[in-house]
Amino acid sequence: MDKLREWLLEVVVKKGGPSLIRGAILGIFAWLLAKQGALASFGIVADQATHTVTVHLDQLNMALVAGLPAVLAAVIKIFNHQASEIIKPSAPTN
């Protein structure tokens, strides 16, 4: 049981955790963009009354499918870099 717990901690949390967090942030950003109507011209429409998001495949732009996750992932990476620059571990003093 300890081996399984150790494996879960090592593989799932340490290696998969950052990807899960980035994916969640990416999904939330895309949902907010759709909700605000910013993606309507690309074929993604949010209906506030029924709380649904509709993807019109005939209007869906391939550039959006490929570009939106890449742009949002780049923004997340930039924020992560800025945070790591601000929060640097201090060198131990002896």
C-alpha atoms as a PDB file:
ATOM      1  CA  MET A   1       0.000   0.000   0.000  1.00  0.00           C
ATOM      2  CA  ASP A   2       2.897   2.338   0.747  1.00  0.00           C
ATOM      3  CA  LYS A   3       4.367   1.695  -2.717  1.00  0.00           C
ATOM      4  CA  LEU A   4       1.051   2.599  -4.330  1.00  0.00           C
ATOM      5  CA  ARG A   5       0.751   5.766  -2.246  1.00  0.00           C
ATOM      6  CA  GLU A   6       4.331   6.709  -3.086  1.00  0.00           C
ATOM      7  CA  TRP A   7       3.707   6.100  -6.803  1.00  0.00           C
ATOM      8  CA  LEU A   8       0.503   8.170  -6.730  1.00  0.00           C
ATOM      9  CA  LEU A   9       2.282  11.032  -5.028  1.00  0.00           C
ATOM     10  CA  GLU A  10       5.296  10.892  -7.335  1.00  0.00           C
ATOM     11  CA  VAL A  11       3.586  10.369 -10.675  1.00  0.00           C
ATOM     12  CA  VAL A  12       0.067  11.741 -10.378  1.00  0.00           C
ATOM     13  CA  VAL A  13       0.550  14.696  -8.061  1.00  0.00           C
ATOM     14  CA  LYS A  14       4.067  15.872  -8.904  1.00  0.00           C
ATOM     15  CA  LYS A  15       4.074  15.182 -12.637  1.00  0.00           C
ATOM     16  CA  GLY A  16       0.386  15.335 -13.514  1.00  0.00           C
ATOM     17  CA  GLY A  17      -0.685  18.042 -11.098  1.00  0.00           C
ATOM     18  CA  PRO A  18       0.713  21.040 -13.012  1.00  0.00           C
ATOM     19  CA  SER A  19      -0.841  19.766 -16.252  1.00  0.00           C
ATOM     20  CA  LEU A  20      -4.184  19.293 -14.536  1.00  0.00           C
ATOM     21  CA  ILE A  21      -4.063  22.819 -13.160  1.00  0.00           C
ATOM     22  CA  ARG A  22      -3.099  24.295 -16.548  1.00  0.00           C
ATOM     23  CA  GLY A  23      -5.900  22.337 -18.216  1.00  0.00           C
ATOM     24  CA  ALA A  24      -8.423  23.584 -15.682  1.00  0.00           C
ATOM     25  CA  ILE A  25      -7.304  27.183 -16.161  1.00  0.00           C
ATOM     26  CA  LEU A  26      -7.424  26.749 -19.932  1.00  0.00           C
ATOM     27  CA  GLY A  27     -10.963  25.364 -19.735  1.00  0.00           C
ATOM     28  CA  ILE A  28     -12.133  28.171 -17.465  1.00  0.00           C
ATOM     29  CA  PHE A  29     -10.643  30.846 -19.761  1.00  0.00           C
ATOM     30  CA  ALA A  30     -12.285  29.283 -22.820  1.00  0.00           C
ATOM     31  CA  TRP A  31     -15.621  29.042 -20.998  1.00  0.00           C
ATOM     32  CA  LEU A  32     -15.409  32.692 -19.937  1.00  0.00           C
ATOM     33  CA  LEU A  33     -14.544  33.767 -23.486  1.00  0.00           C
ATOM     34  CA  ALA A  34     -17.530  31.832 -24.831  1.00  0.00           C
ATOM     35  CA  LYS A  35     -19.795  33.257 -22.131  1.00  0.00           C
ATOM     36  CA  GLN A  36     -18.791  36.819 -23.005  1.00  0.00           C
ATOM     37  CA  GLY A  37     -19.524  36.212 -26.691  1.00  0.00           C
ATOM     38  CA  ALA A  38     -15.910  36.639 -27.788  1.00  0.00           C
ATOM     39  CA  LEU A  39     -16.025  33.312 -29.658  1.00  0.00           C
ATOM     40  CA  ALA A  40     -19.389  33.795 -31.388  1.00  0.00           C
ATOM     41  CA  SER A  41     -17.795  34.752 -34.709  1.00  0.00           C
ATOM     42  CA  PHE A  42     -15.856  31.468 -34.607  1.00  0.00           C
ATOM     43  CA  GLY A  43     -18.980  29.334 -34.133  1.00  0.00           C
ATOM     44  CA  ILE A  44     -19.007  28.949 -30.332  1.00  0.00           C
ATOM     45  CA  VAL A  45     -22.104  30.529 -28.805  1.00  0.00           C
ATOM     46  CA  ALA A  46     -23.115  30.634 -25.144  1.00  0.00           C
ATOM     47  CA  ASP A  47     -26.791  30.953 -24.237  1.00  0.00           C
ATOM     48  CA  GLN A  48     -27.262  32.651 -20.873  1.00  0.00           C
ATOM     49  CA  ALA A  49     -30.923  31.635 -20.548  1.00  0.00           C
ATOM     50  CA  THR A  50     -30.375  27.894 -20.910  1.00  0.00           C
ATOM     51  CA  HIS A  51     -26.816  27.836 -19.524  1.00  0.00           C
ATOM     52  CA  THR A  52     -25.457  26.004 -22.563  1.00  0.00           C
ATOM     53  CA  VAL A  53     -22.538  26.427 -24.925  1.00  0.00           C
ATOM     54  CA  THR A  54     -23.226  25.454 -28.530  1.00  0.00           C
ATOM     55  CA  VAL A  55     -20.473  24.700 -31.036  1.00  0.00           C
ATOM     56  CA  HIS A  56     -21.583  25.171 -34.637  1.00  0.00           C
ATOM     57  CA  LEU A  57     -19.309  22.800 -36.533  1.00  0.00           C
ATOM     58  CA  ASP A  58     -20.039  24.393 -39.917  1.00  0.00           C
ATOM     59  CA  GLN A  59     -18.769  27.762 -38.620  1.00  0.00           C
ATOM     60  CA  LEU A  60     -15.947  26.414 -36.462  1.00  0.00           C
ATOM     61  CA  ASN A  61     -12.648  27.874 -37.519  1.00  0.00           C
ATOM     62  CA  MET A  62      -9.670  25.490 -37.528  1.00  0.00           C
ATOM     63  CA  ALA A  63      -7.388  28.328 -36.463  1.00  0.00           C
ATOM     64  CA  LEU A  64      -9.475  28.678 -33.298  1.00  0.00           C
ATOM     65  CA  VAL A  65      -9.260  24.957 -32.549  1.00  0.00           C
ATOM     66  CA  ALA A  66      -5.483  25.008 -32.886  1.00  0.00           C
ATOM     67  CA  GLY A  67      -4.748  28.542 -31.764  1.00  0.00           C
ATOM     68  CA  LEU A  68      -6.926  29.173 -28.723  1.00  0.00           C
ATOM     69  CA  PRO A  69      -5.395  26.443 -26.531  1.00  0.00           C
ATOM     70  CA  ALA A  70      -1.906  27.477 -27.641  1.00  0.00           C
ATOM     71  CA  VAL A  71      -2.486  31.154 -26.853  1.00  0.00           C
ATOM     72  CA  LEU A  72      -4.076  30.422 -23.485  1.00  0.00           C
ATOM     73  CA  ALA A  73      -1.305  27.956 -22.606  1.00  0.00           C
ATOM     74  CA  ALA A  74       1.281  30.626 -23.477  1.00  0.00           C
ATOM     75  CA  VAL A  75      -0.500  33.144 -21.231  1.00  0.00           C
ATOM     76  CA  ILE A  76      -0.538  30.616 -18.388  1.00  0.00           C
ATOM     77  CA  LYS A  77       3.186  29.938 -18.919  1.00  0.00           C
ATOM     78  CA  ILE A  78       3.942  33.678 -18.841  1.00  0.00           C
ATOM     79  CA  PHE A  79       1.999  34.074 -15.580  1.00  0.00           C
ATOM     80  CA  ASN A  80       3.824  31.055 -14.152  1.00  0.00           C
ATOM     81  CA  HIS A  81       7.188  32.547 -15.136  1.00  0.00           C
ATOM     82  CA  GLN A  82       6.296  35.907 -13.601  1.00  0.00           C
ATOM     83  CA  ALA A  83       5.204  34.210 -10.387  1.00  0.00           C
ATOM     84  CA  SER A  84       8.423  32.205 -10.183  1.00  0.00           C
ATOM     85  CA  GLU A  85      10.428  35.412 -10.672  1.00  0.00           C
ATOM     86  CA  ILE A  86       8.537  37.109  -7.851  1.00  0.00           C
ATOM     87  CA  ILE A  87       8.587  34.133  -5.483  1.00  0.00           C
ATOM     88  CA  LYS A  88      12.207  33.008  -5.553  1.00  0.00           C
ATOM     89  CA  PRO A  89      13.399  30.827  -2.731  1.00  0.00           C
ATOM     90  CA  SER A  90      15.950  32.671  -0.661  1.00  0.00           C
ATOM     91  CA  ALA A  91      19.410  31.199  -0.288  1.00  0.00           C
ATOM     92  CA  PRO A  92      20.041  29.598   3.077  1.00  0.00           C
ATOM     93  CA  THR A  93      22.252  31.630   5.372  1.00  0.00           C
ATOM     94  CA  ASN A  94      24.641  29.824   7.668  1.00  0.00           C
END
